[in-house]
N, C-alpha and C. Protein backbone atom coordinates (compact mmCIF):
# COMPACT_ATOMS: atom_id res chain seq x y z
N MET A 1 121.53 157.57 168.43
CA MET A 1 122.42 156.51 168.31
C MET A 1 121.06 155.41 168.10
N GLN A 2 121.16 154.72 166.74
CA GLN A 2 119.95 153.94 166.28
C GLN A 2 120.35 152.80 167.11
N THR A 3 119.46 151.74 167.53
CA THR A 3 119.30 150.64 168.13
C THR A 3 119.52 149.34 166.99
N ASP A 4 119.94 148.33 167.58
CA ASP A 4 120.45 147.07 166.46
C ASP A 4 119.08 146.57 166.19
N LEU A 5 118.36 147.32 166.74
CA LEU A 5 116.33 147.02 166.08
C LEU A 5 116.05 147.65 165.15
N LEU A 6 116.73 148.54 164.83
CA LEU A 6 116.47 149.59 163.62
C LEU A 6 117.32 149.06 162.64
N ASN A 7 118.53 148.57 162.98
CA ASN A 7 119.32 147.91 161.87
C ASN A 7 118.54 147.13 161.12
N TYR A 8 118.21 146.13 161.91
CA TYR A 8 117.44 145.18 161.44
C TYR A 8 116.35 145.51 160.51
N TYR A 9 115.38 146.66 160.80
CA TYR A 9 114.39 147.00 159.97
C TYR A 9 114.87 147.65 158.76
N GLU A 10 116.11 148.49 158.77
CA GLU A 10 116.96 148.98 157.75
C GLU A 10 117.75 147.80 156.76
N ALA A 11 118.12 147.00 157.49
CA ALA A 11 118.23 145.68 156.69
C ALA A 11 117.25 145.16 155.70
N ILE A 12 116.06 145.00 156.51
CA ILE A 12 114.98 144.32 155.69
C ILE A 12 114.54 145.19 154.56
N GLU A 13 114.61 146.52 154.83
CA GLU A 13 114.25 147.74 153.94
C GLU A 13 115.30 147.53 152.35
N ARG A 14 116.46 147.32 152.81
CA ARG A 14 117.33 147.21 151.60
C ARG A 14 116.95 145.97 150.88
N ALA A 15 116.71 144.81 151.59
CA ALA A 15 116.49 143.28 151.09
C ALA A 15 114.78 143.78 149.89
N SER A 16 114.24 144.25 150.72
CA SER A 16 112.80 144.79 149.94
C SER A 16 113.08 145.71 148.69
N GLN A 17 114.13 146.48 148.90
CA GLN A 17 114.44 147.27 147.56
C GLN A 17 115.02 146.47 146.65
N ASP A 18 115.96 145.66 147.08
CA ASP A 18 116.51 144.73 146.46
C ASP A 18 115.70 143.81 145.44
N MET A 19 114.51 143.47 146.07
CA MET A 19 113.75 142.39 145.56
C MET A 19 113.22 143.14 144.57
N LEU A 20 112.86 144.40 144.99
CA LEU A 20 111.89 145.53 143.92
C LEU A 20 112.64 145.33 142.59
N GLU A 21 113.95 145.91 142.60
CA GLU A 21 114.70 146.02 141.27
C GLU A 21 114.90 144.44 140.73
N ALA A 22 115.11 143.58 141.37
CA ALA A 22 115.19 142.41 140.68
C ALA A 22 113.79 141.98 140.38
N ALA A 23 112.62 142.29 140.70
CA ALA A 23 111.21 142.09 139.90
C ALA A 23 111.21 142.89 138.87
N ARG A 24 111.60 144.16 138.92
CA ARG A 24 111.52 145.01 137.92
C ARG A 24 112.43 144.64 136.84
N ASN A 25 113.47 143.54 136.83
CA ASN A 25 114.30 143.26 135.61
C ASN A 25 114.21 141.97 135.56
N GLY A 26 112.82 141.40 136.41
CA GLY A 26 112.46 139.86 135.69
C GLY A 26 113.30 138.93 136.12
N ASN A 27 114.21 139.57 137.15
CA ASN A 27 115.25 138.20 137.81
C ASN A 27 114.55 137.37 138.91
N TRP A 28 113.36 136.54 138.60
CA TRP A 28 112.34 135.90 139.53
C TRP A 28 113.31 134.96 140.58
N ASP A 29 114.48 134.44 139.98
CA ASP A 29 115.22 133.48 141.30
C ASP A 29 115.85 134.57 141.80
N ALA A 30 116.22 135.62 141.98
CA ALA A 30 117.04 136.54 142.65
C ALA A 30 115.56 137.40 143.68
N VAL A 31 114.63 137.46 143.40
CA VAL A 31 113.43 137.80 144.25
C VAL A 31 113.38 136.73 145.24
N VAL A 32 113.11 135.17 144.69
CA VAL A 32 112.97 134.32 145.53
C VAL A 32 114.19 134.56 146.68
N LYS A 33 114.99 134.47 146.37
CA LYS A 33 116.33 134.28 147.31
C LYS A 33 116.35 135.36 148.17
N LEU A 34 115.92 136.66 147.64
CA LEU A 34 115.71 137.69 148.71
C LEU A 34 114.85 137.42 149.57
N GLU A 35 113.67 137.25 149.25
CA GLU A 35 112.32 136.88 149.91
C GLU A 35 113.15 135.79 151.22
N GLY A 36 113.61 134.92 150.90
CA GLY A 36 114.42 134.13 152.09
C GLY A 36 115.17 134.74 152.80
N ALA A 37 115.87 135.52 152.44
CA ALA A 37 116.96 136.49 153.29
C ALA A 37 116.44 137.45 154.29
N CYS A 38 114.88 138.12 153.63
CA CYS A 38 114.03 138.73 154.27
C CYS A 38 113.37 137.98 155.40
N ALA A 39 112.87 136.50 155.19
CA ALA A 39 112.31 136.03 156.26
C ALA A 39 113.24 135.61 157.42
N LEU A 40 114.35 135.34 157.21
CA LEU A 40 116.01 135.26 157.82
C LEU A 40 115.98 136.27 158.74
N LEU A 41 115.74 137.58 158.29
CA LEU A 41 116.23 139.19 158.88
C LEU A 41 114.62 139.13 159.96
N ILE A 42 113.31 138.88 159.52
CA ILE A 42 112.23 138.82 160.27
C ILE A 42 112.48 138.10 161.42
N SER A 43 112.78 136.83 161.28
CA SER A 43 112.86 136.05 162.24
C SER A 43 114.01 136.49 163.39
N GLN A 44 115.03 136.88 162.89
CA GLN A 44 116.16 137.65 163.73
C GLN A 44 115.57 138.87 164.35
N LEU A 45 114.94 139.72 163.67
CA LEU A 45 114.48 140.85 164.29
C LEU A 45 113.12 140.45 165.47
N LYS A 46 112.67 139.44 165.41
CA LYS A 46 111.70 139.01 166.28
C LYS A 46 112.47 138.59 167.51
N ASN A 47 113.26 137.64 167.23
CA ASN A 47 114.13 137.26 168.46
C ASN A 47 114.99 138.71 169.36
N ALA A 48 115.56 139.41 168.67
CA ALA A 48 116.20 140.63 169.23
C ALA A 48 114.84 141.51 169.81
N ALA A 49 113.97 141.58 169.36
CA ALA A 49 113.03 142.48 169.73
C ALA A 49 111.96 141.99 170.83
N ALA A 50 112.28 141.05 171.46
CA ALA A 50 111.77 140.34 172.41
C ALA A 50 111.95 140.97 173.84
N GLY A 51 110.71 141.44 174.32
CA GLY A 51 111.04 142.24 175.40
C GLY A 51 111.27 143.70 175.45
N ARG A 52 111.71 143.85 174.25
CA ARG A 52 112.21 145.40 174.14
C ARG A 52 111.56 146.49 173.30
N ARG A 53 111.71 147.59 173.58
CA ARG A 53 111.00 148.87 173.14
C ARG A 53 111.49 149.74 172.57
N LEU A 54 111.15 150.44 171.52
CA LEU A 54 111.73 151.39 171.04
C LEU A 54 111.55 152.81 171.56
N ALA A 55 112.47 153.72 171.25
CA ALA A 55 112.25 155.25 171.79
C ALA A 55 111.34 155.67 171.22
N ALA A 56 110.80 157.04 171.54
CA ALA A 56 109.60 157.51 170.48
C ALA A 56 110.17 158.00 169.35
N ASP A 57 111.28 158.24 169.11
CA ASP A 57 111.70 158.93 167.63
C ASP A 57 112.10 157.55 166.93
N GLU A 58 112.81 156.49 167.79
CA GLU A 58 112.97 155.19 166.98
C GLU A 58 111.65 154.71 166.34
N ALA A 59 110.69 154.86 167.03
CA ALA A 59 109.26 154.06 166.69
C ALA A 59 109.01 155.14 165.34
N GLN A 60 109.15 156.19 165.48
CA GLN A 60 108.75 156.99 164.12
C GLN A 60 109.39 156.26 162.94
N LEU A 61 110.84 156.49 163.40
CA LEU A 61 111.88 155.97 162.20
C LEU A 61 111.31 154.56 161.85
N LYS A 62 110.83 153.57 162.48
CA LYS A 62 110.42 152.61 162.48
C LYS A 62 109.15 152.67 161.27
N SER A 63 108.50 153.23 161.95
CA SER A 63 107.22 153.14 160.88
C SER A 63 107.55 154.00 159.67
N ARG A 64 108.34 154.71 159.36
CA ARG A 64 108.41 155.38 158.26
C ARG A 64 109.18 153.88 156.97
N ILE A 65 109.93 153.41 157.83
CA ILE A 65 110.82 152.04 157.17
C ILE A 65 109.93 151.11 156.90
N MET A 66 108.88 150.82 157.75
CA MET A 66 107.73 149.68 157.54
C MET A 66 107.11 150.22 156.43
N GLN A 67 106.41 151.35 156.30
CA GLN A 67 105.96 152.12 155.29
C GLN A 67 106.79 151.73 153.74
N ARG A 68 107.92 152.08 153.24
CA ARG A 68 108.74 151.74 152.53
C ARG A 68 108.75 150.32 152.19
N ILE A 69 108.91 149.54 153.07
CA ILE A 69 108.82 148.01 153.24
C ILE A 69 107.47 147.72 152.26
N LEU A 70 106.22 148.02 152.99
CA LEU A 70 105.01 147.98 152.20
C LEU A 70 104.95 148.48 150.96
N VAL A 71 105.33 149.87 150.63
CA VAL A 71 105.14 149.90 149.21
C VAL A 71 106.10 149.27 148.14
N ASN A 72 107.01 148.97 148.91
CA ASN A 72 108.55 148.04 147.98
C ASN A 72 107.36 146.42 147.67
N ASP A 73 106.85 146.07 148.78
CA ASP A 73 106.16 144.75 148.81
C ASP A 73 104.70 144.77 147.80
N ALA A 74 104.12 145.93 147.70
CA ALA A 74 102.99 146.03 146.68
C ALA A 74 103.33 145.90 145.68
N GLU A 75 104.50 146.83 145.27
CA GLU A 75 104.94 146.98 144.09
C GLU A 75 105.44 145.62 143.36
N VAL A 76 106.18 144.88 143.96
CA VAL A 76 106.94 143.54 143.84
C VAL A 76 105.54 142.47 143.78
N ARG A 77 104.72 142.51 144.09
CA ARG A 77 103.53 141.69 143.86
C ARG A 77 102.34 142.09 142.88
N VAL A 78 102.70 143.15 142.39
CA VAL A 78 101.66 143.76 141.02
C VAL A 78 103.15 142.94 139.92
N LEU A 79 103.92 143.36 140.04
CA LEU A 79 104.95 143.00 139.10
C LEU A 79 104.97 141.24 139.20
N ALA A 80 104.83 140.94 140.08
CA ALA A 80 104.92 139.16 140.14
C ALA A 80 103.64 138.58 139.45
N GLU A 81 102.29 139.23 139.26
CA GLU A 81 101.20 138.56 139.18
C GLU A 81 101.01 138.09 137.83
N PRO A 82 101.64 138.55 136.47
CA PRO A 82 101.71 137.93 135.49
C PRO A 82 102.57 136.76 135.14
N TRP A 83 103.87 136.98 136.05
CA TRP A 83 104.87 135.66 136.23
C TRP A 83 104.04 134.83 136.99
N LEU A 84 103.41 134.83 137.96
CA LEU A 84 102.69 133.58 138.77
C LEU A 84 101.63 132.89 137.65
N GLU A 85 101.08 134.01 137.26
CA GLU A 85 99.65 133.40 136.25
C GLU A 85 100.09 132.76 135.19
N GLY A 86 101.85 132.97 134.40
CA GLY A 86 102.42 132.21 133.62
C GLY A 86 102.60 130.77 134.11
N LEU A 87 103.01 131.15 135.15
CA LEU A 87 103.60 129.56 135.98
C LEU A 87 102.36 128.69 136.40
N ASP A 88 101.57 129.40 136.81
CA ASP A 88 100.15 128.29 136.88
C ASP A 88 99.70 128.03 135.65
N ASP A 89 99.79 128.64 134.51
CA ASP A 89 99.35 128.03 133.23
C ASP A 89 100.59 126.87 132.66
N LEU A 90 101.74 126.94 133.04
CA LEU A 90 102.57 125.90 132.96
C LEU A 90 102.45 124.58 133.58
N LEU A 91 102.53 125.03 134.51
CA LEU A 91 102.34 123.96 135.70
C LEU A 91 100.76 123.14 135.33
N ALA A 92 99.96 124.04 134.89
CA ALA A 92 98.42 123.04 134.48
C ALA A 92 98.59 122.68 133.34
N GLY A 93 99.50 122.87 132.36
CA GLY A 93 99.64 122.21 131.21
C GLY A 93 98.98 123.05 129.78
N ARG A 94 98.64 124.48 130.32
CA ARG A 94 98.20 125.41 129.43
C ARG A 94 99.07 126.05 128.73
N SER A 95 99.09 126.02 127.51
CA SER A 95 100.22 126.90 126.70
C SER A 95 99.90 128.20 126.78
N ALA A 96 100.90 129.30 126.74
CA ALA A 96 100.79 130.55 126.83
C ALA A 96 100.46 130.79 125.29
N THR A 97 99.47 132.00 125.29
CA THR A 97 99.06 132.69 123.86
C THR A 97 99.73 133.77 123.54
N LEU A 98 100.67 133.68 122.38
CA LEU A 98 101.64 134.77 121.97
C LEU A 98 100.71 135.95 121.13
N HIS A 99 101.00 137.12 121.53
CA HIS A 99 100.16 138.05 120.80
C HIS A 99 101.05 138.95 120.12
C-alpha cells in the first residue's frame, strides 16, 4: 500500500513530465504554470513529510521517482536555455538575429 507521501512524489513527477511536454512544444506559459504547481506540491509534501519516514521499499520507489523528476528537469532546462537567452536579449533591447 502506498502512502500519501508517495502520492505527492508521483504528482510532482506527473507535473514535471507535463512541464517537459510543454517545453518540447514551446509552450512556456504552461511551463511556468506547471512550475508553480510543482512548487505548491513540494510545499505540501514538506508539510506532510514532517516527522514521517518511508518504509524501505517506499524509499526505493521514492528514489526512482526523484531520478525521473531530475531527468525531466534537466531536459526542461536544456530546452529553456535558448528561450531564456532570447528573453534576456528582448529585455536588454537587443534585437534577435535571423539566420
